[in-house]
Amino acid sequence: MRRPAHRLVLAFVLALALATSATAQDYPRLKAGQWETTTTSSNNPGAPPNKMTMCTDDAVQKQMTTFGEGMRRDMCSKSDLRHEGDKFIGNSVCRIGEGTLTSHSVMTILGDTGYRTVVSATYDPPFMGMKESTTTIEGRNVGPCRDGLQPGDVVTGTGQKFNVNTLAKRPPPTPPALAK
């Protein structure tokens, strides 16, 4: 079952926010250009991974880091991070609607051209029927932006295109009520 693009993007941004609790000055700088990301989740075993393409530059990276910091500040009572070599290891406790999301993440940086983030989460009460999940996001730089993409442009696996700059200007969407 395909999720609407805005729910996929919210899930992606939330996973990144929880996985990358670094402050803007600590966060690793990734190479500008076109990035391809693949997201898999334990909630959809056997389902094909969600793929996205994004064109980024330094300004977009700073904006996404600032947006993630704001989400953590507004939603999380705990957001700890430690940096060990090429890894950022985080633990967070966040409110989503009336529930609590507890997560542990490990983001492995592969120079400035790749990363792999694994987020293990538990939900209390269950979120959309899920008690726990593991989400893996793998990203790699594939060169300069092409296909007419400008910094901030995202193309989902279903071909929907939007620019993260328009998302950052709006208040974050309110998550749906949690399933009991």
Protein backbone atom coordinates (compact mmCIF):
# COMPACT_ATOMS: atom_id res chain seq x y z
CA MET A 1 0.00 0.00 0.00
CA ARG A 2 1.46 3.35 -1.04
CA ARG A 3 1.38 6.17 1.48
CA PRO A 4 0.49 9.70 0.34
CA ALA A 5 3.59 11.80 -0.34
CA HIS A 6 3.06 14.16 2.61
CA ARG A 7 2.91 11.23 5.08
CA LEU A 8 6.02 9.69 3.54
CA VAL A 9 7.87 13.00 3.79
CA LEU A 10 6.71 13.52 7.39
CA ALA A 11 7.94 10.03 8.28
CA PHE A 12 11.26 10.71 6.51
CA VAL A 13 11.76 14.09 8.21
CA LEU A 14 10.78 12.67 11.61
CA ALA A 15 13.18 9.74 11.19
CA LEU A 16 15.96 12.15 10.24
CA ALA A 17 15.10 14.46 13.13
CA LEU A 18 15.22 11.60 15.61
CA ALA A 19 18.32 10.08 14.05
CA THR A 20 20.35 13.27 13.80
CA SER A 21 20.21 15.05 17.13
CA ALA A 22 23.41 16.93 16.36
CA THR A 23 23.39 20.68 16.51
CA ALA A 24 23.99 22.60 13.31
CA GLN A 25 27.71 23.08 14.04
CA ASP A 26 28.19 19.36 14.89
CA TYR A 27 26.21 17.92 12.01
CA PRO A 28 28.38 16.49 9.24
CA ARG A 29 28.34 18.48 6.02
CA LEU A 30 27.23 16.35 3.09
CA LYS A 31 28.26 16.98 -0.48
CA ALA A 32 25.95 19.28 -2.43
CA GLY A 33 24.18 17.76 -5.41
CA GLN A 34 21.64 15.08 -6.16
CA TRP A 35 20.99 12.49 -3.47
CA GLU A 36 19.11 9.23 -3.76
CA THR A 37 17.60 7.78 -0.59
CA THR A 38 16.11 4.38 0.03
CA THR A 39 13.92 3.84 3.09
CA THR A 40 12.86 0.43 4.33
CA SER A 41 10.69 -0.35 7.34
CA SER A 42 10.06 -3.44 9.41
CA ASN A 43 6.36 -2.53 9.27
CA ASN A 44 6.09 -3.51 5.61
CA PRO A 45 8.03 -6.79 5.26
CA GLY A 46 8.40 -7.76 1.64
CA ALA A 47 7.27 -4.33 0.42
CA PRO A 48 9.59 -2.55 -2.00
CA PRO A 49 11.68 0.20 -0.40
CA ASN A 50 10.54 3.81 -0.67
CA LYS A 51 12.89 5.77 -2.91
CA MET A 52 13.34 9.52 -3.12
CA THR A 53 15.64 11.85 -5.01
CA MET A 54 16.63 15.21 -3.58
CA CYS A 55 18.72 18.09 -4.86
CA THR A 56 20.59 19.75 -1.99
CA ASP A 57 23.11 22.48 -1.30
CA ASP A 58 24.56 24.04 1.87
CA ALA A 59 21.52 26.28 2.42
CA VAL A 60 19.07 23.36 2.14
CA GLN A 61 21.17 21.24 4.53
CA LYS A 62 21.24 24.07 7.07
CA GLN A 63 17.48 24.57 6.71
CA MET A 64 16.74 20.85 7.22
CA THR A 65 19.03 20.72 10.28
CA THR A 66 17.31 23.79 11.75
CA PHE A 67 13.87 22.29 11.00
CA GLY A 68 14.90 19.00 12.67
CA GLU A 69 16.22 20.89 15.72
CA GLY A 70 12.89 22.73 15.97
CA MET A 71 10.90 19.48 15.75
CA ARG A 72 13.04 17.91 18.50
CA ARG A 73 12.72 21.00 20.71
CA ASP A 74 8.93 21.09 20.29
CA MET A 75 8.23 17.34 20.50
CA CYS A 76 10.98 15.66 22.52
CA SER A 77 11.58 15.59 26.27
CA LYS A 78 14.87 13.73 25.72
CA SER A 79 17.24 13.96 22.79
CA ASP A 80 20.73 12.71 23.57
CA LEU A 81 23.53 12.26 21.07
CA ARG A 82 27.04 10.97 21.12
CA HIS A 83 29.55 11.06 18.29
CA GLU A 84 31.87 8.05 17.96
CA GLY A 85 34.14 8.08 14.93
CA ASP A 86 31.92 7.94 11.83
CA LYS A 87 28.74 7.32 13.86
CA PHE A 88 26.16 9.55 15.52
CA ILE A 89 24.25 7.55 18.14
CA GLY A 90 21.05 9.07 19.45
CA ASN A 91 18.30 8.32 21.96
CA SER A 92 15.06 10.29 22.02
CA VAL A 93 11.72 10.33 23.81
CA CYS A 94 9.14 12.37 21.88
CA ARG A 95 5.42 13.10 22.01
CA ILE A 96 3.40 12.35 18.89
CA GLY A 97 -0.20 13.33 19.41
CA GLU A 98 -1.27 11.69 22.67
CA GLY A 99 1.43 9.02 22.56
CA THR A 100 5.12 8.62 23.23
CA LEU A 101 7.77 7.57 20.71
CA THR A 102 11.02 6.24 22.17
CA SER A 103 13.83 5.79 19.66
CA HIS A 104 17.43 4.69 19.35
CA SER A 105 19.31 5.61 16.20
CA VAL A 106 22.69 5.02 14.65
CA MET A 107 23.72 7.19 11.70
CA THR A 108 26.90 6.04 9.97
CA ILE A 109 28.53 8.73 7.83
CA LEU A 110 30.33 7.50 4.71
CA GLY A 111 32.51 10.54 4.00
CA ASP A 112 30.48 13.38 2.50
CA THR A 113 28.83 11.19 -0.16
CA GLY A 114 26.77 8.69 1.81
CA TYR A 115 25.10 7.71 5.05
CA ARG A 116 23.10 4.89 6.59
CA THR A 117 20.70 5.52 9.45
CA VAL A 118 18.89 2.83 11.42
CA VAL A 119 16.13 4.00 13.78
CA SER A 120 14.54 1.54 16.22
CA ALA A 121 11.36 2.91 17.77
CA THR A 122 8.66 1.89 20.23
CA TYR A 123 5.24 3.53 20.45
CA ASP A 124 3.05 3.83 23.56
CA PRO A 125 0.20 3.45 22.82
CA PRO A 126 0.67 1.75 19.42
CA PHE A 127 0.88 4.23 16.52
CA MET A 128 -1.30 3.30 13.54
CA GLY A 129 -1.30 -0.29 14.85
CA MET A 130 2.50 -0.41 15.37
CA LYS A 131 4.05 -1.15 18.75
CA GLU A 132 7.58 -0.98 17.43
CA SER A 133 9.45 -0.48 14.18
CA THR A 134 12.88 -0.36 12.63
CA THR A 135 13.45 2.09 9.79
CA THR A 136 16.61 2.15 7.66
CA ILE A 137 17.46 5.16 5.50
CA GLU A 138 20.37 4.90 3.10
CA GLY A 139 21.49 7.92 1.11
CA ARG A 140 24.13 8.46 -1.50
CA ASN A 141 25.26 11.38 -3.58
CA VAL A 142 25.00 10.61 -7.30
CA GLY A 143 26.62 13.80 -8.63
CA PRO A 144 25.42 17.26 -9.56
CA CYS A 145 21.69 18.00 -9.60
CA ARG A 146 20.16 16.96 -12.91
CA ASP A 147 16.74 16.33 -14.45
CA GLY A 148 15.90 20.01 -13.96
CA LEU A 149 16.02 19.76 -10.16
CA GLN A 150 16.85 22.84 -8.08
CA PRO A 151 18.13 22.86 -4.48
CA GLY A 152 15.33 21.69 -2.19
CA ASP A 153 13.46 19.73 -4.89
CA VAL A 154 12.37 16.24 -3.87
CA VAL A 155 10.95 13.59 -6.19
CA THR A 156 9.22 10.64 -4.52
CA GLY A 157 9.23 7.10 -5.84
CA THR A 158 5.76 7.71 -7.28
CA GLY A 159 7.01 10.76 -9.21
CA GLN A 160 5.48 13.44 -6.99
CA LYS A 161 7.68 16.53 -6.87
CA PHE A 162 7.82 19.29 -4.25
CA ASN A 163 10.37 21.63 -2.71
CA VAL A 164 11.32 21.38 0.98
CA ASN A 165 11.50 25.17 1.14
CA THR A 166 7.70 25.27 0.91
CA LEU A 167 7.40 22.71 3.74
CA ALA A 168 9.71 24.68 6.02
CA LYS A 169 7.57 27.82 5.65
CA ARG A 170 4.49 26.00 6.94
CA PRO A 171 3.99 24.84 10.51
CA PRO A 172 4.62 21.10 10.90
CA PRO A 173 1.51 19.00 10.21
CA THR A 174 -0.35 17.64 13.19
CA PRO A 175 0.06 13.86 13.30
CA PRO A 176 -3.16 11.81 13.16
CA ALA A 177 -4.62 10.57 16.42
CA LEU A 178 -2.85 7.48 17.70
CA ALA A 179 -4.55 4.11 17.38
CA LYS A 180 -5.45 2.58 20.72
